[in-house]
Amino acid sequence: MALVRSVVAEVGIPVCGSQRWETVDERVLERRPALVVLDLSVGQRDRCWATLDWMAGNSQLRQIPTVVCPAASWLLDGHADALGRGGVHVWREPYDPGELMTAAQAALEPMTDVPW
């Protein structure tokens, strides 16, 4: 996530991170960030989906642009299409900072209603 922090900070987006999934929901709710970047890692897949579902269920939070960074492509199995329809962008391995910038910029474009 250090690479994510540096790339996002480089474009002037304030960075507020959480190293523990237990605090992600409260931080998003409290700070209402301009962009949410979720680290989808092995062992944390269900927590990532739960956070996305929680954000989608909240009318104010569902409008926050989101980028998911999977540690491995198979972690997206069965979810990639739904993520795209929901306005969630994916930054895939190998992690290229330019691709994160593209994903972040696309996520920051005005969003329409989230279909999930």
N, C-alpha and C. Protein backbone atom coordinates (compact mmCIF):
# COMPACT_ATOMS: atom_id res chain seq x y z
N MET A 1 0.81 -1.20 0.00
CA MET A 1 0.00 0.00 0.00
C MET A 1 0.86 1.26 0.00
N ALA A 2 2.14 1.15 0.27
CA ALA A 2 3.01 2.32 0.22
C ALA A 2 3.04 2.92 -1.18
N LEU A 3 3.05 2.05 -2.21
CA LEU A 3 3.02 2.54 -3.59
C LEU A 3 1.72 3.27 -3.85
N VAL A 4 0.62 2.74 -3.38
CA VAL A 4 -0.69 3.40 -3.55
C VAL A 4 -0.66 4.77 -2.91
N ARG A 5 -0.17 4.85 -1.69
CA ARG A 5 -0.11 6.13 -0.98
C ARG A 5 0.70 7.16 -1.76
N SER A 6 1.86 6.77 -2.25
CA SER A 6 2.72 7.73 -2.94
C SER A 6 2.11 8.19 -4.26
N VAL A 7 1.52 7.27 -5.01
CA VAL A 7 0.93 7.65 -6.30
C VAL A 7 -0.28 8.55 -6.10
N VAL A 8 -1.14 8.22 -5.18
CA VAL A 8 -2.34 9.02 -4.93
C VAL A 8 -1.96 10.39 -4.36
N ALA A 9 -1.01 10.43 -3.46
CA ALA A 9 -0.57 11.70 -2.88
C ALA A 9 0.07 12.59 -3.95
N GLU A 10 0.71 11.96 -4.93
CA GLU A 10 1.38 12.69 -6.00
C GLU A 10 0.41 13.57 -6.79
N VAL A 11 -0.83 13.16 -6.92
CA VAL A 11 -1.82 13.95 -7.66
C VAL A 11 -2.61 14.88 -6.76
N GLY A 12 -2.21 14.96 -5.50
CA GLY A 12 -2.83 15.91 -4.60
C GLY A 12 -4.06 15.42 -3.86
N ILE A 13 -4.28 14.11 -3.86
CA ILE A 13 -5.40 13.57 -3.10
C ILE A 13 -4.90 13.27 -1.69
N PRO A 14 -5.50 13.87 -0.66
CA PRO A 14 -5.06 13.57 0.70
C PRO A 14 -5.21 12.08 1.00
N VAL A 15 -4.22 11.52 1.68
CA VAL A 15 -4.22 10.09 1.96
C VAL A 15 -4.51 9.85 3.43
N CYS A 16 -5.46 9.00 3.68
CA CYS A 16 -5.79 8.57 5.02
C CYS A 16 -5.89 7.06 4.95
N GLY A 17 -5.05 6.36 5.64
CA GLY A 17 -5.04 4.91 5.51
C GLY A 17 -5.43 4.20 6.78
N SER A 18 -5.68 2.92 6.60
CA SER A 18 -5.95 2.05 7.73
C SER A 18 -5.27 0.73 7.47
N GLN A 19 -4.48 0.28 8.38
CA GLN A 19 -3.77 -0.98 8.23
C GLN A 19 -4.62 -2.17 8.68
N ARG A 20 -5.76 -1.87 9.31
CA ARG A 20 -6.62 -2.94 9.82
C ARG A 20 -8.01 -2.81 9.23
N TRP A 21 -8.56 -3.92 8.79
CA TRP A 21 -9.90 -3.92 8.22
C TRP A 21 -10.94 -3.50 9.24
N GLU A 22 -10.68 -3.73 10.53
CA GLU A 22 -11.65 -3.41 11.56
C GLU A 22 -11.98 -1.92 11.61
N THR A 23 -11.07 -1.08 11.14
CA THR A 23 -11.28 0.36 11.23
C THR A 23 -11.66 1.02 9.90
N VAL A 24 -11.70 0.24 8.82
CA VAL A 24 -11.97 0.82 7.50
C VAL A 24 -13.35 1.48 7.46
N ASP A 25 -14.38 0.77 7.88
CA ASP A 25 -15.73 1.31 7.80
C ASP A 25 -15.86 2.63 8.55
N GLU A 26 -15.36 2.66 9.78
CA GLU A 26 -15.49 3.89 10.57
C GLU A 26 -14.70 5.04 9.95
N ARG A 27 -13.54 4.75 9.37
CA ARG A 27 -12.74 5.81 8.74
C ARG A 27 -13.43 6.37 7.52
N VAL A 28 -13.98 5.50 6.68
CA VAL A 28 -14.69 5.97 5.49
C VAL A 28 -15.89 6.81 5.89
N LEU A 29 -16.65 6.34 6.86
CA LEU A 29 -17.84 7.06 7.32
C LEU A 29 -17.48 8.41 7.92
N GLU A 30 -16.44 8.42 8.73
CA GLU A 30 -16.02 9.64 9.43
C GLU A 30 -15.38 10.67 8.49
N ARG A 31 -14.52 10.22 7.60
CA ARG A 31 -13.73 11.16 6.79
C ARG A 31 -14.29 11.45 5.41
N ARG A 32 -15.16 10.60 4.89
CA ARG A 32 -15.74 10.78 3.56
C ARG A 32 -14.66 11.15 2.54
N PRO A 33 -13.73 10.25 2.28
CA PRO A 33 -12.60 10.56 1.41
C PRO A 33 -13.02 10.78 -0.05
N ALA A 34 -12.13 11.41 -0.81
CA ALA A 34 -12.37 11.64 -2.23
C ALA A 34 -12.24 10.35 -3.02
N LEU A 35 -11.48 9.39 -2.49
CA LEU A 35 -11.22 8.13 -3.18
C LEU A 35 -10.93 7.06 -2.13
N VAL A 36 -11.49 5.86 -2.34
CA VAL A 36 -11.20 4.72 -1.47
C VAL A 36 -10.43 3.70 -2.30
N VAL A 37 -9.30 3.24 -1.77
CA VAL A 37 -8.51 2.20 -2.41
C VAL A 37 -8.47 1.02 -1.44
N LEU A 38 -9.03 -0.12 -1.88
CA LEU A 38 -9.08 -1.30 -1.03
C LEU A 38 -8.05 -2.33 -1.48
N ASP A 39 -7.27 -2.82 -0.56
CA ASP A 39 -6.27 -3.85 -0.81
C ASP A 39 -6.93 -5.21 -0.65
N LEU A 40 -7.20 -5.86 -1.77
CA LEU A 40 -7.85 -7.16 -1.76
C LEU A 40 -6.78 -8.25 -1.68
N SER A 41 -6.60 -8.79 -0.48
CA SER A 41 -5.54 -9.78 -0.29
C SER A 41 -6.12 -11.12 0.14
N VAL A 42 -5.30 -12.14 0.00
CA VAL A 42 -5.70 -13.48 0.41
C VAL A 42 -6.02 -13.43 1.91
N GLY A 43 -7.11 -14.02 2.29
CA GLY A 43 -7.52 -14.02 3.68
C GLY A 43 -8.38 -12.83 4.07
N GLN A 44 -8.43 -11.81 3.21
CA GLN A 44 -9.22 -10.62 3.49
C GLN A 44 -10.30 -10.39 2.44
N ARG A 45 -10.47 -11.34 1.53
CA ARG A 45 -11.41 -11.19 0.42
C ARG A 45 -12.83 -10.91 0.91
N ASP A 46 -13.32 -11.69 1.86
CA ASP A 46 -14.68 -11.49 2.35
C ASP A 46 -14.85 -10.12 2.99
N ARG A 47 -13.82 -9.66 3.67
CA ARG A 47 -13.89 -8.34 4.32
C ARG A 47 -13.97 -7.23 3.28
N CYS A 48 -13.23 -7.38 2.20
CA CYS A 48 -13.27 -6.39 1.12
C CYS A 48 -14.67 -6.33 0.51
N TRP A 49 -15.25 -7.50 0.22
CA TRP A 49 -16.60 -7.52 -0.36
C TRP A 49 -17.60 -6.93 0.62
N ALA A 50 -17.44 -7.22 1.90
CA ALA A 50 -18.36 -6.68 2.91
C ALA A 50 -18.27 -5.15 2.95
N THR A 51 -17.07 -4.61 2.83
CA THR A 51 -16.89 -3.16 2.82
C THR A 51 -17.55 -2.55 1.59
N LEU A 52 -17.36 -3.17 0.43
CA LEU A 52 -17.99 -2.68 -0.80
C LEU A 52 -19.52 -2.72 -0.68
N ASP A 53 -20.05 -3.81 -0.14
CA ASP A 53 -21.50 -3.93 0.03
C ASP A 53 -22.02 -2.86 1.00
N TRP A 54 -21.28 -2.65 2.08
CA TRP A 54 -21.66 -1.64 3.07
C TRP A 54 -21.68 -0.25 2.45
N MET A 55 -20.65 0.07 1.65
CA MET A 55 -20.61 1.38 0.99
C MET A 55 -21.76 1.52 -0.01
N ALA A 56 -22.04 0.45 -0.77
CA ALA A 56 -23.11 0.49 -1.77
C ALA A 56 -24.48 0.67 -1.11
N GLY A 57 -24.63 0.18 0.10
CA GLY A 57 -25.90 0.27 0.80
C GLY A 57 -26.14 1.62 1.47
N ASN A 58 -25.14 2.48 1.46
CA ASN A 58 -25.26 3.80 2.08
C ASN A 58 -25.30 4.84 0.97
N SER A 59 -26.38 5.59 0.86
CA SER A 59 -26.56 6.53 -0.25
C SER A 59 -25.46 7.58 -0.35
N GLN A 60 -24.86 7.96 0.75
CA GLN A 60 -23.78 8.96 0.70
C GLN A 60 -22.45 8.32 0.35
N LEU A 61 -22.21 7.12 0.86
CA LEU A 61 -20.92 6.48 0.64
C LEU A 61 -20.80 5.83 -0.73
N ARG A 62 -21.91 5.42 -1.32
CA ARG A 62 -21.83 4.72 -2.60
C ARG A 62 -21.31 5.63 -3.71
N GLN A 63 -21.34 6.93 -3.48
CA GLN A 63 -20.84 7.87 -4.48
C GLN A 63 -19.33 8.10 -4.37
N ILE A 64 -18.70 7.53 -3.35
CA ILE A 64 -17.25 7.69 -3.21
C ILE A 64 -16.57 6.77 -4.22
N PRO A 65 -15.75 7.32 -5.10
CA PRO A 65 -15.04 6.50 -6.08
C PRO A 65 -14.14 5.49 -5.38
N THR A 66 -14.08 4.28 -5.94
CA THR A 66 -13.35 3.20 -5.30
C THR A 66 -12.49 2.44 -6.30
N VAL A 67 -11.28 2.10 -5.87
CA VAL A 67 -10.35 1.27 -6.65
C VAL A 67 -10.01 0.07 -5.78
N VAL A 68 -10.10 -1.13 -6.37
CA VAL A 68 -9.74 -2.37 -5.67
C VAL A 68 -8.42 -2.86 -6.25
N CYS A 69 -7.48 -3.20 -5.37
CA CYS A 69 -6.17 -3.71 -5.77
C CYS A 69 -6.04 -5.17 -5.33
N PRO A 70 -6.30 -6.12 -6.24
CA PRO A 70 -6.20 -7.52 -5.85
C PRO A 70 -4.74 -7.98 -5.78
N ALA A 71 -4.42 -8.74 -4.74
CA ALA A 71 -3.08 -9.30 -4.61
C ALA A 71 -2.84 -10.37 -5.67
N ALA A 72 -3.89 -11.00 -6.14
CA ALA A 72 -3.82 -12.01 -7.19
C ALA A 72 -5.12 -11.96 -7.99
N SER A 73 -5.02 -12.18 -9.29
CA SER A 73 -6.18 -12.09 -10.18
C SER A 73 -7.33 -12.99 -9.76
N TRP A 74 -7.02 -14.18 -9.26
CA TRP A 74 -8.08 -15.13 -8.91
C TRP A 74 -8.97 -14.61 -7.78
N LEU A 75 -8.50 -13.63 -7.03
CA LEU A 75 -9.32 -13.06 -5.96
C LEU A 75 -10.56 -12.34 -6.51
N LEU A 76 -10.51 -11.98 -7.79
CA LEU A 76 -11.64 -11.30 -8.42
C LEU A 76 -12.63 -12.26 -9.06
N ASP A 77 -12.32 -13.55 -9.05
CA ASP A 77 -13.18 -14.53 -9.71
C ASP A 77 -14.65 -14.30 -9.38
N GLY A 78 -15.43 -14.13 -10.43
CA GLY A 78 -16.86 -13.96 -10.26
C GLY A 78 -17.30 -12.57 -9.85
N HIS A 79 -16.38 -11.64 -9.70
CA HIS A 79 -16.73 -10.31 -9.22
C HIS A 79 -16.35 -9.18 -10.17
N ALA A 80 -15.46 -9.42 -11.10
CA ALA A 80 -14.93 -8.35 -11.94
C ALA A 80 -16.02 -7.59 -12.69
N ASP A 81 -16.97 -8.30 -13.28
CA ASP A 81 -18.03 -7.62 -14.03
C ASP A 81 -18.90 -6.76 -13.12
N ALA A 82 -19.27 -7.31 -11.97
CA ALA A 82 -20.10 -6.56 -11.02
C ALA A 82 -19.37 -5.32 -10.51
N LEU A 83 -18.07 -5.44 -10.28
CA LEU A 83 -17.30 -4.28 -9.84
C LEU A 83 -17.37 -3.17 -10.88
N GLY A 84 -17.13 -3.54 -12.13
CA GLY A 84 -17.17 -2.54 -13.21
C GLY A 84 -18.53 -1.89 -13.34
N ARG A 85 -19.59 -2.67 -13.25
CA ARG A 85 -20.95 -2.11 -13.33
C ARG A 85 -21.23 -1.19 -12.15
N GLY A 86 -20.60 -1.48 -11.02
CA GLY A 86 -20.82 -0.67 -9.83
C GLY A 86 -19.93 0.55 -9.75
N GLY A 87 -19.12 0.79 -10.78
CA GLY A 87 -18.25 1.95 -10.79
C GLY A 87 -16.96 1.75 -10.02
N VAL A 88 -16.69 0.51 -9.61
CA VAL A 88 -15.45 0.21 -8.88
C VAL A 88 -14.39 -0.17 -9.92
N HIS A 89 -13.26 0.47 -9.84
CA HIS A 89 -12.18 0.21 -10.79
C HIS A 89 -11.17 -0.74 -10.16
N VAL A 90 -10.47 -1.48 -11.00
CA VAL A 90 -9.52 -2.48 -10.52
C VAL A 90 -8.11 -2.11 -10.99
N TRP A 91 -7.16 -2.17 -10.07
CA TRP A 91 -5.75 -1.96 -10.38
C TRP A 91 -5.08 -3.31 -10.20
N ARG A 92 -4.70 -3.93 -11.31
CA ARG A 92 -4.19 -5.30 -11.31
C ARG A 92 -2.66 -5.37 -11.32
N GLU A 93 -2.17 -6.55 -10.89
CA GLU A 93 -0.74 -6.85 -10.98
C GLU A 93 -0.36 -6.99 -12.44
N PRO A 94 0.85 -6.72 -12.84
CA PRO A 94 1.89 -6.08 -12.02
C PRO A 94 1.53 -4.62 -11.78
N TYR A 95 1.75 -4.15 -10.59
CA TYR A 95 1.31 -2.82 -10.20
C TYR A 95 2.16 -1.73 -10.84
N ASP A 96 1.58 -1.10 -11.83
CA ASP A 96 2.22 0.00 -12.54
C ASP A 96 1.59 1.29 -12.05
N PRO A 97 2.40 2.23 -11.55
CA PRO A 97 1.83 3.48 -11.03
C PRO A 97 0.97 4.22 -12.05
N GLY A 98 1.33 4.16 -13.32
CA GLY A 98 0.53 4.82 -14.35
C GLY A 98 -0.86 4.22 -14.45
N GLU A 99 -0.95 2.90 -14.28
CA GLU A 99 -2.26 2.25 -14.33
C GLU A 99 -3.11 2.61 -13.11
N LEU A 100 -2.47 2.78 -11.96
CA LEU A 100 -3.22 3.23 -10.79
C LEU A 100 -3.76 4.63 -11.03
N MET A 101 -2.95 5.49 -11.62
CA MET A 101 -3.41 6.85 -11.92
C MET A 101 -4.61 6.80 -12.86
N THR A 102 -4.54 5.95 -13.86
CA THR A 102 -5.66 5.81 -14.80
C THR A 102 -6.91 5.33 -14.07
N ALA A 103 -6.75 4.30 -13.21
CA ALA A 103 -7.88 3.78 -12.45
C ALA A 103 -8.44 4.83 -11.50
N ALA A 104 -7.56 5.56 -10.82
CA ALA A 104 -8.00 6.59 -9.88
C ALA A 104 -8.72 7.71 -10.62
N GLN A 105 -8.18 8.16 -11.74
CA GLN A 105 -8.83 9.22 -12.50
C GLN A 105 -10.18 8.78 -13.02
N ALA A 106 -10.27 7.54 -13.50
CA ALA A 106 -11.55 7.02 -13.98
C ALA A 106 -12.55 6.94 -12.83
N ALA A 107 -12.08 6.52 -11.66
CA ALA A 107 -12.96 6.42 -10.50
C ALA A 107 -13.43 7.78 -10.04
N LEU A 108 -12.61 8.80 -10.22
CA LEU A 108 -12.98 10.13 -9.77
C LEU A 108 -13.91 10.87 -10.73
N GLU A 109 -14.12 10.31 -11.94
CA GLU A 109 -15.08 10.91 -12.85
C GLU A 109 -16.45 10.81 -12.20
N PRO A 110 -17.36 11.73 -12.56
CA PRO A 110 -18.71 11.67 -11.96
C PRO A 110 -19.34 10.30 -12.15
N MET A 111 -19.91 9.79 -11.07
CA MET A 111 -20.52 8.47 -11.08
C MET A 111 -22.03 8.58 -11.19
N THR A 112 -22.63 7.54 -11.74
CA THR A 112 -24.08 7.44 -11.75
C THR A 112 -24.47 6.49 -10.64
N ASP A 113 -25.73 6.18 -10.52
CA ASP A 113 -26.20 5.29 -9.46
C ASP A 113 -25.52 3.93 -9.54
N VAL A 114 -25.14 3.39 -8.40
CA VAL A 114 -24.47 2.10 -8.32
C VAL A 114 -25.50 1.00 -8.46
N PRO A 115 -25.32 0.07 -9.44
CA PRO A 115 -26.33 -0.95 -9.68
C PRO A 115 -26.26 -2.16 -8.78
N TRP A 116 -25.47 -2.19 -7.77
CA TRP A 116 -25.37 -3.35 -6.89
C TRP A 116 -25.57 -2.90 -5.52
